[in-house]
Amino acid sequence: MRSLSDPKSDLTTFVPAMYDFRFKQFTLRQDRCALKVGTDAVVLGAWADVDGARILDIGAGTGVLALMAAQRNPAARIDAVEIDDASAEQAGENAAASPWAPRVRVHRMDVRRLHADAPFDRILCNPPFYAGEMGSPDARTGVAKHGGGLRFAELLDVVDRMLAEQGRFACIIPLNREATLRAIAAAHGLGAARRCVLHYLEGRPPKRVLLELDRAGGDLREEQLLVEHRPGVFSTAYRALLAPFLLKF
């Protein structure tokens, strides 16, 4: 696994784009996907609560969140929505090649147009981060990473509409955008139930936060997770979290 210590590196990319990403129980092909498998999505997929019969993955990308949820919850049916044609096609192929093909469906569509016959118990999303202010010259990357297609307000509209009354929504976002997302969520009656500050490298400021939101408004559970003590030396907690998925560290 590549070190994540360089603050100027793309922290969301583990491997070169041409390579498949192999987990213990499934493989993701990603050569046609706008964004590749990365630390943020893998940590979210392992950390988020995936209890419940119905799970929605918004912005499926390679299908990593959907397939991690399928591995962790053998009873769940998972719908994964992806707006990019090539990414949706490849995510569908990844799901079909996985051990959980009958339970995972990938839909090529704009999630804002999604209509479901029942609400979802859990919703997962590694959303566009930057609200357009750091727009990528590549149009597909701009939609996937820079908020070119789905802003926080629109995302929370979808979550509010699709989430079951006792459901939970989990996401990972930049720490400096947490207040914005939580304010929008509060307007929908969604509050933080669980929060984890993600440190990529010991001694450096954290850049990401994982959040779980629900409608209950109970006590907030606070956590922290460190990825590396130093480049290539992964923390015990990170190893334990990812042990069911990653082949090696």
C-alpha atoms as a PDB file:
ATOM      1  CA  MET A   1       0.000   0.000   0.000  1.00  0.00           C
ATOM      2  CA  ARG A   2       1.324   3.396  -0.921  1.00  0.00           C
ATOM      3  CA  SER A   3       2.275   5.799   1.827  1.00  0.00           C
ATOM      4  CA  LEU A   4      -0.143   8.648   2.441  1.00  0.00           C
ATOM      5  CA  SER A   5       2.326  10.964   4.112  1.00  0.00           C
ATOM      6  CA  ASP A   6       2.955  13.442   1.304  1.00  0.00           C
ATOM      7  CA  PRO A   7       0.491  16.311   1.885  1.00  0.00           C
ATOM      8  CA  LYS A   8       0.744  17.304  -1.779  1.00  0.00           C
ATOM      9  CA  SER A   9      -0.090  13.823  -3.058  1.00  0.00           C
ATOM     10  CA  ASP A  10      -3.573  12.702  -4.038  1.00  0.00           C
ATOM     11  CA  LEU A  11      -4.639  11.188  -0.748  1.00  0.00           C
ATOM     12  CA  THR A  12      -7.565   9.417  -2.372  1.00  0.00           C
ATOM     13  CA  THR A  13      -5.468   7.202  -4.642  1.00  0.00           C
ATOM     14  CA  PHE A  14      -3.816   3.997  -3.498  1.00  0.00           C
ATOM     15  CA  VAL A  15      -2.588   2.600  -6.796  1.00  0.00           C
ATOM     16  CA  PRO A  16      -1.927   3.559 -10.410  1.00  0.00           C
ATOM     17  CA  ALA A  17      -5.105   3.885 -12.448  1.00  0.00           C
ATOM     18  CA  MET A  18      -4.355   0.933 -14.740  1.00  0.00           C
ATOM     19  CA  TYR A  19      -4.240  -1.621 -11.921  1.00  0.00           C
ATOM     20  CA  ASP A  20      -7.088  -3.624 -10.448  1.00  0.00           C
ATOM     21  CA  PHE A  21      -7.585  -3.194  -6.708  1.00  0.00           C
ATOM     22  CA  ARG A  22      -7.754  -6.570  -4.971  1.00  0.00           C
ATOM     23  CA  PHE A  23      -9.489  -7.031  -1.642  1.00  0.00           C
ATOM     24  CA  LYS A  24      -9.619 -10.290   0.311  1.00  0.00           C
ATOM     25  CA  GLN A  25     -13.054 -11.271  -1.016  1.00  0.00           C
ATOM     26  CA  PHE A  26     -13.501  -9.222  -4.201  1.00  0.00           C
ATOM     27  CA  THR A  27     -11.623  -7.308  -6.890  1.00  0.00           C
ATOM     28  CA  LEU A  28     -12.398  -3.886  -8.313  1.00  0.00           C
ATOM     29  CA  ARG A  29     -11.486  -3.057 -11.870  1.00  0.00           C
ATOM     30  CA  GLN A  30     -11.140   0.705 -12.113  1.00  0.00           C
ATOM     31  CA  ASP A  31      -9.509   1.666 -15.412  1.00  0.00           C
ATOM     32  CA  ARG A  32     -12.759   3.250 -16.686  1.00  0.00           C
ATOM     33  CA  CYS A  33     -13.819   4.908 -13.419  1.00  0.00           C
ATOM     34  CA  ALA A  34     -13.505   8.666 -12.945  1.00  0.00           C
ATOM     35  CA  LEU A  35     -12.063   8.234  -9.438  1.00  0.00           C
ATOM     36  CA  LYS A  36     -10.095   5.235  -8.210  1.00  0.00           C
ATOM     37  CA  VAL A  37     -10.204   3.278  -4.965  1.00  0.00           C
ATOM     38  CA  GLY A  38      -8.845   5.445  -2.171  1.00  0.00           C
ATOM     39  CA  THR A  39      -8.244   5.715   1.537  1.00  0.00           C
ATOM     40  CA  ASP A  40     -11.346   7.820   2.179  1.00  0.00           C
ATOM     41  CA  ALA A  41     -13.811   5.374   0.628  1.00  0.00           C
ATOM     42  CA  VAL A  42     -12.177   2.284   2.132  1.00  0.00           C
ATOM     43  CA  VAL A  43     -12.156   3.772   5.630  1.00  0.00           C
ATOM     44  CA  LEU A  44     -15.788   4.871   5.264  1.00  0.00           C
ATOM     45  CA  GLY A  45     -16.802   1.437   3.981  1.00  0.00           C
ATOM     46  CA  ALA A  46     -15.233  -0.263   6.991  1.00  0.00           C
ATOM     47  CA  TRP A  47     -16.328   2.328   9.594  1.00  0.00           C
ATOM     48  CA  ALA A  48     -19.949   3.062   8.709  1.00  0.00           C
ATOM     49  CA  ASP A  49     -22.872   1.278  10.334  1.00  0.00           C
ATOM     50  CA  VAL A  50     -24.303  -1.030   7.647  1.00  0.00           C
ATOM     51  CA  ASP A  51     -27.056  -2.739   9.648  1.00  0.00           C
ATOM     52  CA  GLY A  52     -30.452  -2.955   8.003  1.00  0.00           C
ATOM     53  CA  ALA A  53     -32.146  -4.667   5.095  1.00  0.00           C
ATOM     54  CA  ARG A  54     -31.786  -1.883   2.511  1.00  0.00           C
ATOM     55  CA  ILE A  55     -28.653   0.168   1.806  1.00  0.00           C
ATOM     56  CA  LEU A  56     -28.139   2.964  -0.718  1.00  0.00           C
ATOM     57  CA  ASP A  57     -24.694   3.961  -2.029  1.00  0.00           C
ATOM     58  CA  ILE A  58     -24.773   7.441  -3.586  1.00  0.00           C
ATOM     59  CA  GLY A  59     -22.002   8.024  -6.133  1.00  0.00           C
ATOM     60  CA  ALA A  60     -20.874   4.418  -6.481  1.00  0.00           C
ATOM     61  CA  GLY A  61     -17.658   5.046  -8.420  1.00  0.00           C
ATOM     62  CA  THR A  62     -15.940   1.658  -8.576  1.00  0.00           C
ATOM     63  CA  GLY A  63     -18.623   0.102  -6.355  1.00  0.00           C
ATOM     64  CA  VAL A  64     -16.288  -0.117  -3.364  1.00  0.00           C
ATOM     65  CA  LEU A  65     -18.765   1.070  -0.706  1.00  0.00           C
ATOM     66  CA  ALA A  66     -21.550  -1.143  -2.009  1.00  0.00           C
ATOM     67  CA  LEU A  67     -19.372  -4.253  -2.050  1.00  0.00           C
ATOM     68  CA  MET A  68     -17.848  -3.579   1.363  1.00  0.00           C
ATOM     69  CA  ALA A  69     -21.383  -3.213   2.732  1.00  0.00           C
ATOM     70  CA  ALA A  70     -22.398  -6.470   1.042  1.00  0.00           C
ATOM     71  CA  GLN A  71     -19.449  -8.269   2.632  1.00  0.00           C
ATOM     72  CA  ARG A  72     -20.209  -6.871   6.091  1.00  0.00           C
ATOM     73  CA  ASN A  73     -23.985  -7.395   5.995  1.00  0.00           C
ATOM     74  CA  PRO A  74     -24.926 -10.737   4.399  1.00  0.00           C
ATOM     75  CA  ALA A  75     -28.662  -9.985   4.596  1.00  0.00           C
ATOM     76  CA  ALA A  76     -28.741  -6.529   3.001  1.00  0.00           C
ATOM     77  CA  ARG A  77     -29.850  -5.615  -0.490  1.00  0.00           C
ATOM     78  CA  ILE A  78     -27.785  -2.735  -1.842  1.00  0.00           C
ATOM     79  CA  ASP A  79     -28.592  -0.191  -4.529  1.00  0.00           C
ATOM     80  CA  ALA A  80     -25.651   1.822  -5.862  1.00  0.00           C
ATOM     81  CA  VAL A  81     -26.284   4.930  -7.962  1.00  0.00           C
ATOM     82  CA  GLU A  82     -23.658   6.455 -10.272  1.00  0.00           C
ATOM     83  CA  ILE A  83     -24.157   9.310 -12.742  1.00  0.00           C
ATOM     84  CA  ASP A  84     -21.037   8.720 -14.869  1.00  0.00           C
ATOM     85  CA  ASP A  85     -21.689   6.235 -17.687  1.00  0.00           C
ATOM     86  CA  ALA A  86     -18.308   4.495 -17.756  1.00  0.00           C
ATOM     87  CA  SER A  87     -18.022   4.329 -13.958  1.00  0.00           C
ATOM     88  CA  ALA A  88     -21.536   2.914 -13.608  1.00  0.00           C
ATOM     89  CA  GLU A  89     -20.831   0.280 -16.242  1.00  0.00           C
ATOM     90  CA  GLN A  90     -17.620  -0.803 -14.539  1.00  0.00           C
ATOM     91  CA  ALA A  91     -19.177  -0.734 -11.049  1.00  0.00           C
ATOM     92  CA  GLY A  92     -21.915  -3.007 -12.400  1.00  0.00           C
ATOM     93  CA  GLU A  93     -19.302  -5.386 -13.770  1.00  0.00           C
ATOM     94  CA  ASN A  94     -17.476  -5.357 -10.426  1.00  0.00           C
ATOM     95  CA  ALA A  95     -20.706  -6.156  -8.590  1.00  0.00           C
ATOM     96  CA  ALA A  96     -21.580  -8.944 -11.037  1.00  0.00           C
ATOM     97  CA  ALA A  97     -18.141 -10.519 -10.546  1.00  0.00           C
ATOM     98  CA  SER A  98     -18.371 -10.361  -6.736  1.00  0.00           C
ATOM     99  CA  PRO A  99     -19.695 -13.089  -4.404  1.00  0.00           C
ATOM    100  CA  TRP A 100     -22.750 -10.895  -3.708  1.00  0.00           C
ATOM    101  CA  ALA A 101     -23.993 -10.278  -7.246  1.00  0.00           C
ATOM    102  CA  PRO A 102     -27.654 -11.165  -6.490  1.00  0.00           C
ATOM    103  CA  ARG A 103     -27.800  -8.545  -3.706  1.00  0.00           C
ATOM    104  CA  VAL A 104     -26.066  -5.549  -5.335  1.00  0.00           C
ATOM    105  CA  ARG A 105     -27.652  -3.479  -8.110  1.00  0.00           C
ATOM    106  CA  VAL A 106     -25.887  -0.592  -9.842  1.00  0.00           C
ATOM    107  CA  HIS A 107     -28.027   2.113 -11.465  1.00  0.00           C
ATOM    108  CA  ARG A 108     -26.677   4.585 -14.044  1.00  0.00           C
ATOM    109  CA  MET A 109     -28.664   7.668 -13.125  1.00  0.00           C
ATOM    110  CA  ASP A 110     -28.749  10.993 -11.342  1.00  0.00           C
ATOM    111  CA  VAL A 111     -29.612  10.190  -7.723  1.00  0.00           C
ATOM    112  CA  ARG A 112     -31.776  13.308  -7.582  1.00  0.00           C
ATOM    113  CA  ARG A 113     -34.190  11.444  -9.865  1.00  0.00           C
ATOM    114  CA  LEU A 114     -34.188   8.260  -7.827  1.00  0.00           C
ATOM    115  CA  HIS A 115     -37.553   6.945  -6.680  1.00  0.00           C
ATOM    116  CA  ALA A 116     -37.638   3.864  -4.467  1.00  0.00           C
ATOM    117  CA  ASP A 117     -40.538   1.694  -3.375  1.00  0.00           C
ATOM    118  CA  ALA A 118     -39.341   1.818   0.262  1.00  0.00           C
ATOM    119  CA  PRO A 119     -36.915   3.964   2.275  1.00  0.00           C
ATOM    120  CA  PHE A 120     -33.357   2.886   2.998  1.00  0.00           C
ATOM    121  CA  ASP A 121     -32.065   1.822   6.407  1.00  0.00           C
ATOM    122  CA  ARG A 122     -28.564   3.053   5.636  1.00  0.00           C
ATOM    123  CA  ILE A 123     -27.245   5.551   3.079  1.00  0.00           C
ATOM    124  CA  LEU A 124     -23.526   5.809   2.303  1.00  0.00           C
ATOM    125  CA  CYS A 125     -21.740   8.506   0.334  1.00  0.00           C
ATOM    126  CA  ASN A 126     -18.195   9.678  -0.349  1.00  0.00           C
ATOM    127  CA  PRO A 127     -19.500  12.965  -1.775  1.00  0.00           C
ATOM    128  CA  PRO A 128     -17.984  15.658  -4.008  1.00  0.00           C
ATOM    129  CA  PHE A 129     -15.797  17.676  -1.673  1.00  0.00           C
ATOM    130  CA  TYR A 130     -15.054  21.093  -2.961  1.00  0.00           C
ATOM    131  CA  ALA A 131     -18.274  22.851  -3.974  1.00  0.00           C
ATOM    132  CA  GLY A 132     -16.760  23.816  -7.304  1.00  0.00           C
ATOM    133  CA  GLU A 133     -14.040  26.128  -6.003  1.00  0.00           C
ATOM    134  CA  MET A 134     -11.253  23.739  -7.073  1.00  0.00           C
ATOM    135  CA  GLY A 135     -12.783  22.582 -10.322  1.00  0.00           C
ATOM    136  CA  SER A 136     -10.853  19.929 -12.226  1.00  0.00           C
ATOM    137  CA  PRO A 137      -9.959  20.415 -15.904  1.00  0.00           C
ATOM    138  CA  ASP A 138     -11.300  16.905 -16.454  1.00  0.00           C
ATOM    139  CA  ALA A 139     -15.109  17.030 -16.585  1.00  0.00           C
ATOM    140  CA  ARG A 140     -15.636  13.549 -15.136  1.00  0.00           C
ATOM    141  CA  THR A 141     -13.328  14.234 -12.210  1.00  0.00           C
ATOM    142  CA  GLY A 142     -15.053  17.570 -11.682  1.00  0.00           C
ATOM    143  CA  VAL A 143     -18.384  15.832 -11.183  1.00  0.00           C
ATOM    144  CA  ALA A 144     -16.947  13.085  -8.990  1.00  0.00           C
ATOM    145  CA  LYS A 145     -14.650  15.145  -6.782  1.00  0.00           C
ATOM    146  CA  HIS A 146     -15.356  18.865  -7.030  1.00  0.00           C
ATOM    147  CA  GLY A 147     -19.112  19.136  -6.596  1.00  0.00           C
ATOM    148  CA  GLY A 148     -19.778  19.670 -10.280  1.00  0.00           C
ATOM    149  CA  GLY A 149     -22.850  17.451 -10.169  1.00  0.00           C
ATOM    150  CA  LEU A 150     -24.140  17.163  -6.598  1.00  0.00           C
ATOM    151  CA  ARG A 151     -23.801  19.847  -3.916  1.00  0.00           C
ATOM    152  CA  PHE A 152     -24.232  19.247  -0.197  1.00  0.00           C
ATOM    153  CA  ALA A 153     -27.697  20.826  -0.188  1.00  0.00           C
ATOM    154  CA  GLU A 154     -28.872  18.545  -2.995  1.00  0.00           C
ATOM    155  CA  LEU A 155     -27.273  15.514  -1.356  1.00  0.00           C
ATOM    156  CA  LEU A 156     -29.080  16.178   1.929  1.00  0.00           C
ATOM    157  CA  ASP A 157     -32.350  16.666   0.063  1.00  0.00           C
ATOM    158  CA  VAL A 158     -31.937  13.148  -1.338  1.00  0.00           C
ATOM    159  CA  VAL A 159     -30.927  11.711   2.028  1.00  0.00           C
ATOM    160  CA  ASP A 160     -33.934  13.269   3.762  1.00  0.00           C
ATOM    161  CA  ARG A 161     -36.265  11.898   1.109  1.00  0.00           C
ATOM    162  CA  MET A 162     -34.772   8.396   0.973  1.00  0.00           C
ATOM    163  CA  LEU A 163     -33.775   7.670   4.580  1.00  0.00           C
ATOM    164  CA  ALA A 164     -35.993   5.533   6.812  1.00  0.00           C
ATOM    165  CA  GLU A 165     -37.232   7.101  10.030  1.00  0.00           C
ATOM    166  CA  GLN A 166     -34.754   5.061  12.086  1.00  0.00           C
ATOM    167  CA  GLY A 167     -32.083   5.112   9.387  1.00  0.00           C
ATOM    168  CA  ARG A 168     -28.566   6.510   9.311  1.00  0.00           C
ATOM    169  CA  PHE A 169     -26.556   8.410   6.700  1.00  0.00           C
ATOM    170  CA  ALA A 170     -22.756   8.051   6.678  1.00  0.00           C
ATOM    171  CA  CYS A 171     -20.241  10.145   4.746  1.00  0.00           C
ATOM    172  CA  ILE A 172     -16.642  11.352   4.754  1.00  0.00           C
ATOM    173  CA  ILE A 173     -15.863  15.007   4.021  1.00  0.00           C
ATOM    174  CA  PRO A 174     -13.087  17.573   4.525  1.00  0.00           C
ATOM    175  CA  LEU A 175     -12.941  18.708   8.130  1.00  0.00           C
ATOM    176  CA  ASN A 176     -13.175  22.335   7.045  1.00  0.00           C
ATOM    177  CA  ARG A 177     -16.577  21.690   5.411  1.00  0.00           C
ATOM    178  CA  GLU A 178     -18.135  19.855   8.355  1.00  0.00           C
ATOM    179  CA  ALA A 179     -19.977  22.888   9.733  1.00  0.00           C
ATOM    180  CA  THR A 180     -21.556  23.551   6.334  1.00  0.00           C
ATOM    181  CA  LEU A 181     -22.831  20.008   5.906  1.00  0.00           C
ATOM    182  CA  ARG A 182     -24.110  19.725   9.470  1.00  0.00           C
ATOM    183  CA  ALA A 183     -25.986  23.033   9.204  1.00  0.00           C
ATOM    184  CA  ILE A 184     -27.721  21.849   6.031  1.00  0.00           C
ATOM    185  CA  ALA A 185     -28.464  18.490   7.648  1.00  0.00           C
ATOM    186  CA  ALA A 186     -29.953  20.183  10.706  1.00  0.00           C
ATOM    187  CA  ALA A 187     -32.434  22.006   8.481  1.00  0.00           C
ATOM    188  CA  HIS A 188     -33.660  18.532   7.453  1.00  0.00           C
ATOM    189  CA  GLY A 189     -33.897  17.340  11.035  1.00  0.00           C
ATOM    190  CA  LEU A 190     -30.706  15.271  10.782  1.00  0.00           C
ATOM    191  CA  GLY A 191     -28.087  15.454  13.522  1.00  0.00           C
ATOM    192  CA  ALA A 192     -24.695  13.850  14.077  1.00  0.00           C
ATOM    193  CA  ALA A 193     -24.852  10.600  16.045  1.00  0.00           C
ATOM    194  CA  ARG A 194     -21.273   9.517  15.436  1.00  0.00           C
ATOM    195  CA  ARG A 195     -18.154  11.426  14.391  1.00  0.00           C
ATOM    196  CA  CYS A 196     -14.604  10.297  13.663  1.00  0.00           C
ATOM    197  CA  VAL A 197     -11.720  12.659  12.894  1.00  0.00           C
ATOM    198  CA  LEU A 198      -9.352  10.985  10.424  1.00  0.00           C
ATOM    199  CA  HIS A 199      -5.620  11.675  10.752  1.00  0.00           C
ATOM    200  CA  TYR A 200      -3.580  10.514   7.774  1.00  0.00           C
ATOM    201  CA  LEU A 201      -0.184  10.937   9.444  1.00  0.00           C
ATOM    202  CA  GLU A 202       0.749  11.331  13.101  1.00  0.00           C
ATOM    203  CA  GLY A 203       1.797  14.872  13.945  1.00  0.00           C
ATOM    204  CA  ARG A 204       0.002  16.489  11.021  1.00  0.00           C
ATOM    205  CA  PRO A 205      -3.383  18.227  11.188  1.00  0.00           C
ATOM    206  CA  PRO A 206      -6.397  16.071  10.284  1.00  0.00           C
ATOM    207  CA  LYS A 207      -8.060  16.734   6.941  1.00  0.00           C
ATOM    208  CA  ARG A 208     -11.138  14.486   6.936  1.00  0.00           C
ATOM    209  CA  VAL A 209     -14.042  13.672   9.209  1.00  0.00           C
ATOM    210  CA  LEU A 210     -16.418  10.716   9.042  1.00  0.00           C
ATOM    211  CA  LEU A 211     -19.994  11.419  10.077  1.00  0.00           C
ATOM    212  CA  GLU A 212     -23.119   9.409  10.774  1.00  0.00           C
ATOM    213  CA  LEU A 213     -26.346  11.400  10.838  1.00  0.00           C
ATOM    214  CA  ASP A 214     -29.787  10.323  12.009  1.00  0.00           C
ATOM    215  CA  ARG A 215     -33.144  11.809  12.989  1.00  0.00           C
ATOM    216  CA  ALA A 216     -32.929  10.861  16.676  1.00  0.00           C
ATOM    217  CA  GLY A 217     -30.735  13.718  17.870  1.00  0.00           C
ATOM    218  CA  GLY A 218     -29.170  11.730  20.694  1.00  0.00           C
ATOM    219  CA  ASP A 219     -25.732  11.911  22.270  1.00  0.00           C
ATOM    220  CA  LEU A 220     -22.824  12.269  19.858  1.00  0.00           C
ATOM    221  CA  ARG A 221     -20.219   9.494  19.889  1.00  0.00           C
ATOM    222  CA  GLU A 222     -16.768  10.986  19.233  1.00  0.00           C
ATOM    223  CA  GLU A 223     -13.874   8.975  17.752  1.00  0.00           C
ATOM    224  CA  GLN A 224     -10.468   9.475  16.152  1.00  0.00           C
ATOM    225  CA  LEU A 225      -8.540   7.282  13.732  1.00  0.00           C
ATOM    226  CA  LEU A 226      -4.880   7.501  12.757  1.00  0.00           C
ATOM    227  CA  VAL A 227      -3.757   5.926   9.478  1.00  0.00           C
ATOM    228  CA  GLU A 228       0.056   6.079   9.759  1.00  0.00           C
ATOM    229  CA  HIS A 229       2.502   6.762  12.579  1.00  0.00           C
ATOM    230  CA  ARG A 230       5.069   7.473   9.858  1.00  0.00           C
ATOM    231  CA  PRO A 231       5.126   6.623   6.160  1.00  0.00           C
ATOM    232  CA  GLY A 232       4.499   2.900   5.764  1.00  0.00           C
ATOM    233  CA  VAL A 233       3.919   2.266   9.492  1.00  0.00           C
ATOM    234  CA  PHE A 234       0.163   1.872   9.942  1.00  0.00           C
ATOM    235  CA  SER A 235      -1.591   2.239  13.274  1.00  0.00           C
ATOM    236  CA  THR A 236      -3.003  -0.743  15.128  1.00  0.00           C
ATOM    237  CA  ALA A 237      -6.517   0.703  14.959  1.00  0.00           C
ATOM    238  CA  TYR A 238      -6.304   1.254  11.192  1.00  0.00           C
ATOM    239  CA  ARG A 239      -4.994  -2.293  10.656  1.00  0.00           C
ATOM    240  CA  ALA A 240      -7.815  -3.726  12.758  1.00  0.00           C
ATOM    241  CA  LEU A 241     -10.493  -1.716  10.937  1.00  0.00           C
ATOM    242  CA  LEU A 242      -9.293  -2.748   7.482  1.00  0.00           C
ATOM    243  CA  ALA A 243      -8.217  -6.311   8.339  1.00  0.00           C
ATOM    244  CA  PRO A 244     -11.371  -7.944   6.884  1.00  0.00           C
ATOM    245  CA  PHE A 245     -10.729  -6.261   3.528  1.00  0.00           C
ATOM    246  CA  LEU A 246      -7.124  -5.435   2.661  1.00  0.00           C
ATOM    247  CA  LEU A 247      -4.705  -8.164   1.587  1.00  0.00           C
ATOM    248  CA  LYS A 248      -1.656  -6.505   3.148  1.00  0.00           C
ATOM    249  CA  PHE A 249      -0.359  -3.270   4.627  1.00  0.00           C
END
